[in-house]
Amino acid sequence: MPTATDWDGIAVGKMTKDMMAHPEWVQLTKTTTPPVKDRWYRYDTRCIGNSKTWQCDEYPFNSTTSAGGNAALQLVPKSQNASEGGFLVGFYNKCGVVDGTNFLTVPMVFPGAPPTFSVCGS
């Protein structure tokens, strides 16, 4: 079973062949009013098994304008999903990402890839 970080990379990585058709999965926009409610996917068949120890991870993130609809979903350990969410909030805070801010996600899915990290730009 992939980790939350792995799944985000896999979800974006699947799009590398056709990124021009799905740029919203690489360039995301932070929002405080997502287009879907939190945990909108709880009845989705891809999330069967959601429990106290497993959570359904989604990409694009629910805190972006691209959330919901055709998002990629995958069950991951709850602790890893929470950790990944913490990295995302840390990135938002560190880099001053506020409502309406565009940012890029870069999948790094290869042997020896670095762990999740963020780079702030101007």
N, C-alpha and C. Protein backbone atom coordinates (compact mmCIF):
# COMPACT_ATOMS: atom_id res chain seq x y z
N MET A 1 0.86 -1.17 0.00
CA MET A 1 0.00 0.00 0.00
C MET A 1 0.91 1.24 0.00
N PRO A 2 0.72 2.18 -0.93
CA PRO A 2 1.56 3.37 -0.96
C PRO A 2 1.32 4.28 0.24
N THR A 3 2.34 5.05 0.58
CA THR A 3 2.18 6.06 1.62
C THR A 3 1.45 7.26 1.03
N ALA A 4 1.05 8.19 1.88
CA ALA A 4 0.36 9.40 1.40
C ALA A 4 1.27 10.17 0.44
N THR A 5 2.53 10.32 0.80
CA THR A 5 3.47 11.04 -0.07
C THR A 5 3.62 10.31 -1.39
N ASP A 6 3.77 8.98 -1.34
CA ASP A 6 3.89 8.20 -2.57
C ASP A 6 2.66 8.39 -3.45
N TRP A 7 1.47 8.34 -2.83
CA TRP A 7 0.24 8.42 -3.61
C TRP A 7 0.12 9.76 -4.30
N ASP A 8 0.47 10.86 -3.62
CA ASP A 8 0.40 12.17 -4.27
C ASP A 8 1.31 12.18 -5.49
N GLY A 9 2.49 11.63 -5.34
CA GLY A 9 3.43 11.57 -6.47
C GLY A 9 2.91 10.68 -7.58
N ILE A 10 2.31 9.55 -7.23
CA ILE A 10 1.74 8.64 -8.22
C ILE A 10 0.61 9.33 -8.97
N ALA A 11 -0.26 10.01 -8.23
CA ALA A 11 -1.40 10.69 -8.85
C ALA A 11 -0.93 11.72 -9.87
N VAL A 12 0.05 12.53 -9.47
CA VAL A 12 0.57 13.53 -10.41
C VAL A 12 1.40 12.85 -11.49
N GLY A 13 2.18 11.85 -11.10
CA GLY A 13 3.03 11.14 -12.05
C GLY A 13 2.24 10.51 -13.19
N LYS A 14 1.03 10.02 -12.89
CA LYS A 14 0.18 9.45 -13.92
C LYS A 14 -0.16 10.48 -14.98
N MET A 15 -0.09 11.73 -14.61
CA MET A 15 -0.47 12.79 -15.53
C MET A 15 0.69 13.30 -16.38
N THR A 16 1.92 12.82 -16.11
CA THR A 16 3.06 13.37 -16.82
C THR A 16 2.98 13.19 -18.33
N LYS A 17 2.29 12.16 -18.79
CA LYS A 17 2.15 11.93 -20.23
C LYS A 17 1.22 12.95 -20.87
N ASP A 18 0.38 13.56 -20.07
CA ASP A 18 -0.62 14.46 -20.62
C ASP A 18 -0.82 15.68 -19.73
N MET A 19 0.29 16.27 -19.27
CA MET A 19 0.18 17.40 -18.34
C MET A 19 -0.51 18.60 -18.96
N MET A 20 -0.37 18.76 -20.24
CA MET A 20 -1.02 19.91 -20.87
C MET A 20 -2.54 19.81 -20.76
N ALA A 21 -3.06 18.60 -20.69
CA ALA A 21 -4.50 18.41 -20.57
C ALA A 21 -4.98 18.59 -19.13
N HIS A 22 -4.08 18.48 -18.17
CA HIS A 22 -4.45 18.56 -16.76
C HIS A 22 -3.49 19.45 -15.96
N PRO A 23 -3.28 20.68 -16.36
CA PRO A 23 -2.33 21.53 -15.63
C PRO A 23 -2.77 21.84 -14.20
N GLU A 24 -4.06 21.72 -13.92
CA GLU A 24 -4.55 22.00 -12.56
C GLU A 24 -4.01 21.00 -11.55
N TRP A 25 -3.47 19.88 -11.99
CA TRP A 25 -2.90 18.90 -11.06
C TRP A 25 -1.44 19.21 -10.75
N VAL A 26 -0.84 20.14 -11.46
CA VAL A 26 0.54 20.53 -11.20
C VAL A 26 0.57 21.93 -10.61
N GLN A 27 -0.15 22.86 -11.22
CA GLN A 27 -0.28 24.20 -10.65
C GLN A 27 -1.60 24.24 -9.89
N LEU A 28 -1.50 24.34 -8.59
CA LEU A 28 -2.69 24.38 -7.74
C LEU A 28 -2.89 25.78 -7.19
N THR A 29 -4.10 26.06 -6.75
CA THR A 29 -4.43 27.35 -6.16
C THR A 29 -5.03 27.11 -4.79
N LYS A 30 -4.41 27.70 -3.76
CA LYS A 30 -4.89 27.57 -2.38
C LYS A 30 -6.24 28.27 -2.25
N THR A 31 -7.13 27.62 -1.50
CA THR A 31 -8.42 28.24 -1.23
C THR A 31 -8.86 27.93 0.19
N THR A 32 -9.57 28.86 0.78
CA THR A 32 -10.16 28.63 2.10
C THR A 32 -11.61 28.16 1.94
N THR A 33 -12.09 28.14 0.70
CA THR A 33 -13.44 27.65 0.42
C THR A 33 -13.37 26.62 -0.69
N PRO A 34 -12.96 25.37 -0.36
CA PRO A 34 -12.83 24.34 -1.39
C PRO A 34 -14.15 24.09 -2.10
N PRO A 35 -14.08 23.62 -3.35
CA PRO A 35 -15.30 23.37 -4.11
C PRO A 35 -16.11 22.17 -3.59
N VAL A 36 -15.53 21.39 -2.68
CA VAL A 36 -16.23 20.25 -2.09
C VAL A 36 -16.03 20.27 -0.58
N LYS A 37 -16.93 19.62 0.14
CA LYS A 37 -16.81 19.54 1.60
C LYS A 37 -15.68 18.60 1.99
N ASP A 38 -15.10 18.84 3.16
CA ASP A 38 -14.07 17.95 3.68
C ASP A 38 -14.65 16.53 3.76
N ARG A 39 -13.85 15.56 3.40
CA ARG A 39 -14.23 14.14 3.40
C ARG A 39 -15.40 13.84 2.44
N TRP A 40 -15.49 14.60 1.36
CA TRP A 40 -16.52 14.41 0.35
C TRP A 40 -16.49 13.01 -0.24
N TYR A 41 -15.36 12.36 -0.17
CA TYR A 41 -15.13 11.09 -0.83
C TYR A 41 -15.52 9.87 0.02
N ARG A 42 -16.07 10.09 1.22
CA ARG A 42 -16.27 8.98 2.16
C ARG A 42 -17.13 7.85 1.60
N TYR A 43 -17.98 8.13 0.62
CA TYR A 43 -18.82 7.08 0.05
C TYR A 43 -18.29 6.58 -1.30
N ASP A 44 -17.15 7.08 -1.71
CA ASP A 44 -16.54 6.66 -2.97
C ASP A 44 -16.00 5.24 -2.80
N THR A 45 -16.22 4.39 -3.79
CA THR A 45 -15.77 2.99 -3.68
C THR A 45 -14.25 2.87 -3.54
N ARG A 46 -13.51 3.86 -4.00
CA ARG A 46 -12.05 3.81 -3.85
C ARG A 46 -11.62 4.00 -2.41
N CYS A 47 -12.54 4.40 -1.55
CA CYS A 47 -12.23 4.65 -0.15
C CYS A 47 -12.80 3.59 0.78
N ILE A 48 -13.24 2.49 0.22
CA ILE A 48 -13.74 1.41 1.08
C ILE A 48 -12.59 0.93 1.95
N GLY A 49 -12.83 0.85 3.25
CA GLY A 49 -11.78 0.47 4.19
C GLY A 49 -11.35 1.64 5.05
N ASN A 50 -11.90 2.83 4.78
CA ASN A 50 -11.61 4.00 5.60
C ASN A 50 -11.98 3.66 7.04
N SER A 51 -11.07 3.88 7.98
CA SER A 51 -11.29 3.47 9.37
C SER A 51 -10.50 4.36 10.33
N LYS A 52 -10.39 3.93 11.56
CA LYS A 52 -9.61 4.68 12.54
C LYS A 52 -8.11 4.63 12.23
N THR A 53 -7.68 3.63 11.48
CA THR A 53 -6.26 3.50 11.16
C THR A 53 -5.92 3.76 9.70
N TRP A 54 -6.93 3.79 8.84
CA TRP A 54 -6.71 4.06 7.42
C TRP A 54 -7.58 5.24 6.99
N GLN A 55 -7.01 6.13 6.18
CA GLN A 55 -7.76 7.27 5.66
C GLN A 55 -7.62 7.32 4.15
N CYS A 56 -8.60 7.93 3.55
CA CYS A 56 -8.57 8.12 2.11
C CYS A 56 -7.81 9.42 1.82
N ASP A 57 -6.72 9.29 1.12
CA ASP A 57 -5.91 10.45 0.74
C ASP A 57 -6.38 10.90 -0.63
N GLU A 58 -6.41 12.19 -0.84
CA GLU A 58 -6.84 12.73 -2.12
C GLU A 58 -5.80 13.64 -2.72
N TYR A 59 -5.78 13.67 -4.02
CA TYR A 59 -4.94 14.60 -4.75
C TYR A 59 -5.70 14.97 -6.01
N PRO A 60 -5.87 16.23 -6.31
CA PRO A 60 -5.37 17.43 -5.65
C PRO A 60 -5.94 17.61 -4.24
N PHE A 61 -5.17 18.31 -3.42
CA PHE A 61 -5.52 18.54 -2.03
C PHE A 61 -6.86 19.25 -1.89
N ASN A 62 -7.58 18.93 -0.80
CA ASN A 62 -8.89 19.54 -0.55
C ASN A 62 -8.78 21.05 -0.30
N SER A 63 -7.61 21.53 0.05
CA SER A 63 -7.42 22.96 0.32
C SER A 63 -7.10 23.75 -0.95
N THR A 64 -7.39 23.14 -2.12
CA THR A 64 -7.14 23.82 -3.39
C THR A 64 -8.42 23.89 -4.22
N THR A 65 -8.41 24.78 -5.19
CA THR A 65 -9.57 24.95 -6.05
C THR A 65 -9.78 23.75 -6.98
N SER A 66 -8.80 22.86 -7.09
CA SER A 66 -8.91 21.68 -7.96
C SER A 66 -9.43 20.45 -7.23
N ALA A 67 -9.80 20.59 -5.98
CA ALA A 67 -10.26 19.45 -5.17
C ALA A 67 -11.55 18.86 -5.70
N GLY A 68 -11.77 17.59 -5.35
CA GLY A 68 -13.02 16.93 -5.67
C GLY A 68 -13.08 16.40 -7.08
N GLY A 69 -14.29 16.12 -7.50
CA GLY A 69 -14.54 15.68 -8.88
C GLY A 69 -13.69 14.52 -9.32
N ASN A 70 -12.70 14.81 -10.15
CA ASN A 70 -11.87 13.75 -10.72
C ASN A 70 -10.59 13.51 -9.91
N ALA A 71 -10.59 13.88 -8.63
CA ALA A 71 -9.40 13.69 -7.80
C ALA A 71 -9.02 12.22 -7.72
N ALA A 72 -7.73 11.98 -7.56
CA ALA A 72 -7.23 10.63 -7.32
C ALA A 72 -7.39 10.33 -5.84
N LEU A 73 -7.85 9.12 -5.52
CA LEU A 73 -8.08 8.71 -4.14
C LEU A 73 -7.34 7.41 -3.86
N GLN A 74 -6.81 7.27 -2.63
CA GLN A 74 -6.10 6.05 -2.25
C GLN A 74 -6.11 5.92 -0.74
N LEU A 75 -6.38 4.72 -0.24
CA LEU A 75 -6.27 4.48 1.20
C LEU A 75 -4.81 4.46 1.61
N VAL A 76 -4.49 5.18 2.68
CA VAL A 76 -3.14 5.21 3.23
C VAL A 76 -3.26 5.16 4.76
N PRO A 77 -2.19 4.78 5.44
CA PRO A 77 -2.24 4.80 6.90
C PRO A 77 -2.58 6.20 7.42
N LYS A 78 -3.47 6.27 8.40
CA LYS A 78 -3.92 7.55 8.95
C LYS A 78 -2.76 8.41 9.42
N SER A 79 -1.78 7.79 10.08
CA SER A 79 -0.65 8.56 10.60
C SER A 79 0.15 9.22 9.48
N GLN A 80 0.30 8.52 8.37
CA GLN A 80 1.04 9.09 7.24
C GLN A 80 0.24 10.18 6.55
N ASN A 81 -1.07 10.01 6.46
CA ASN A 81 -1.91 11.03 5.87
C ASN A 81 -1.88 12.31 6.71
N ALA A 82 -1.92 12.14 8.04
CA ALA A 82 -1.85 13.29 8.94
C ALA A 82 -0.49 13.98 8.81
N SER A 83 0.56 13.20 8.70
CA SER A 83 1.91 13.78 8.54
C SER A 83 2.01 14.57 7.25
N GLU A 84 1.49 14.00 6.18
CA GLU A 84 1.52 14.70 4.88
C GLU A 84 0.72 15.99 4.95
N GLY A 85 -0.43 15.94 5.62
CA GLY A 85 -1.23 17.16 5.80
C GLY A 85 -0.46 18.21 6.59
N GLY A 86 0.31 17.76 7.58
CA GLY A 86 1.14 18.67 8.35
C GLY A 86 2.21 19.33 7.50
N PHE A 87 2.81 18.55 6.58
CA PHE A 87 3.80 19.12 5.66
C PHE A 87 3.15 20.20 4.79
N LEU A 88 1.95 19.93 4.32
CA LEU A 88 1.25 20.88 3.45
C LEU A 88 0.95 22.17 4.20
N VAL A 89 0.41 22.06 5.41
CA VAL A 89 0.13 23.26 6.21
C VAL A 89 1.42 24.00 6.53
N GLY A 90 2.48 23.25 6.83
CA GLY A 90 3.78 23.88 7.08
C GLY A 90 4.28 24.65 5.87
N PHE A 91 4.10 24.07 4.68
CA PHE A 91 4.47 24.75 3.44
C PHE A 91 3.66 26.03 3.27
N TYR A 92 2.34 25.94 3.48
CA TYR A 92 1.50 27.13 3.37
C TYR A 92 2.00 28.23 4.31
N ASN A 93 2.29 27.88 5.54
CA ASN A 93 2.74 28.86 6.53
C ASN A 93 4.12 29.40 6.21
N LYS A 94 5.06 28.51 5.93
CA LYS A 94 6.45 28.90 5.65
C LYS A 94 6.55 29.83 4.44
N CYS A 95 5.78 29.52 3.42
CA CYS A 95 5.89 30.25 2.16
C CYS A 95 4.83 31.34 1.98
N GLY A 96 4.01 31.56 2.99
CA GLY A 96 3.00 32.61 2.90
C GLY A 96 1.93 32.33 1.87
N VAL A 97 1.59 31.04 1.70
CA VAL A 97 0.56 30.66 0.73
C VAL A 97 -0.80 30.94 1.37
N VAL A 98 -1.51 31.89 0.80
CA VAL A 98 -2.83 32.29 1.31
C VAL A 98 -3.87 32.06 0.22
N ASP A 99 -5.11 32.30 0.56
CA ASP A 99 -6.21 32.14 -0.37
C ASP A 99 -5.90 32.83 -1.70
N GLY A 100 -6.00 32.09 -2.80
CA GLY A 100 -5.74 32.65 -4.12
C GLY A 100 -4.32 32.50 -4.61
N THR A 101 -3.42 32.01 -3.77
CA THR A 101 -2.01 31.84 -4.16
C THR A 101 -1.85 30.59 -5.01
N ASN A 102 -1.20 30.74 -6.16
CA ASN A 102 -0.86 29.59 -7.00
C ASN A 102 0.45 28.99 -6.52
N PHE A 103 0.57 27.68 -6.61
CA PHE A 103 1.83 27.01 -6.29
C PHE A 103 1.95 25.76 -7.14
N LEU A 104 3.17 25.27 -7.27
CA LEU A 104 3.43 24.09 -8.10
C LEU A 104 3.70 22.87 -7.23
N THR A 105 3.28 21.72 -7.72
CA THR A 105 3.64 20.45 -7.11
C THR A 105 4.47 19.69 -8.14
N VAL A 106 5.57 19.14 -7.70
CA VAL A 106 6.46 18.43 -8.61
C VAL A 106 6.61 16.99 -8.12
N PRO A 107 6.10 16.02 -8.88
CA PRO A 107 6.24 14.64 -8.45
C PRO A 107 7.68 14.17 -8.60
N MET A 108 8.16 13.52 -7.58
CA MET A 108 9.51 12.96 -7.62
C MET A 108 9.38 11.50 -7.20
N VAL A 109 8.97 10.69 -8.15
CA VAL A 109 8.70 9.28 -7.88
C VAL A 109 9.76 8.44 -8.60
N PHE A 110 10.88 8.24 -7.92
CA PHE A 110 11.95 7.42 -8.47
C PHE A 110 12.81 6.94 -7.32
N PRO A 111 13.56 5.87 -7.51
CA PRO A 111 14.41 5.37 -6.43
C PRO A 111 15.38 6.46 -5.97
N GLY A 112 15.46 6.67 -4.67
CA GLY A 112 16.35 7.68 -4.12
C GLY A 112 15.78 9.08 -4.11
N ALA A 113 14.50 9.23 -4.47
CA ALA A 113 13.88 10.56 -4.46
C ALA A 113 13.90 11.12 -3.05
N PRO A 114 14.08 12.42 -2.91
CA PRO A 114 14.09 13.01 -1.57
C PRO A 114 12.70 12.94 -0.94
N PRO A 115 12.65 13.04 0.39
CA PRO A 115 11.33 13.09 1.04
C PRO A 115 10.63 14.41 0.70
N THR A 116 9.39 14.52 1.07
CA THR A 116 8.62 15.73 0.80
C THR A 116 9.38 16.95 1.31
N PHE A 117 9.48 17.98 0.49
CA PHE A 117 10.12 19.23 0.89
C PHE A 117 9.44 20.37 0.16
N SER A 118 9.70 21.58 0.59
CA SER A 118 9.12 22.74 -0.07
C SER A 118 10.18 23.78 -0.35
N VAL A 119 9.93 24.55 -1.38
CA VAL A 119 10.79 25.67 -1.76
C VAL A 119 9.91 26.87 -1.97
N CYS A 120 10.22 27.95 -1.30
CA CYS A 120 9.45 29.18 -1.44
C CYS A 120 10.11 30.07 -2.48
N GLY A 121 9.32 30.70 -3.30
CA GLY A 121 9.84 31.63 -4.30
C GLY A 121 9.19 32.97 -4.13
N SER A 122 9.60 33.89 -4.95
CA SER A 122 9.01 35.22 -4.85
C SER A 122 8.13 35.51 -6.05
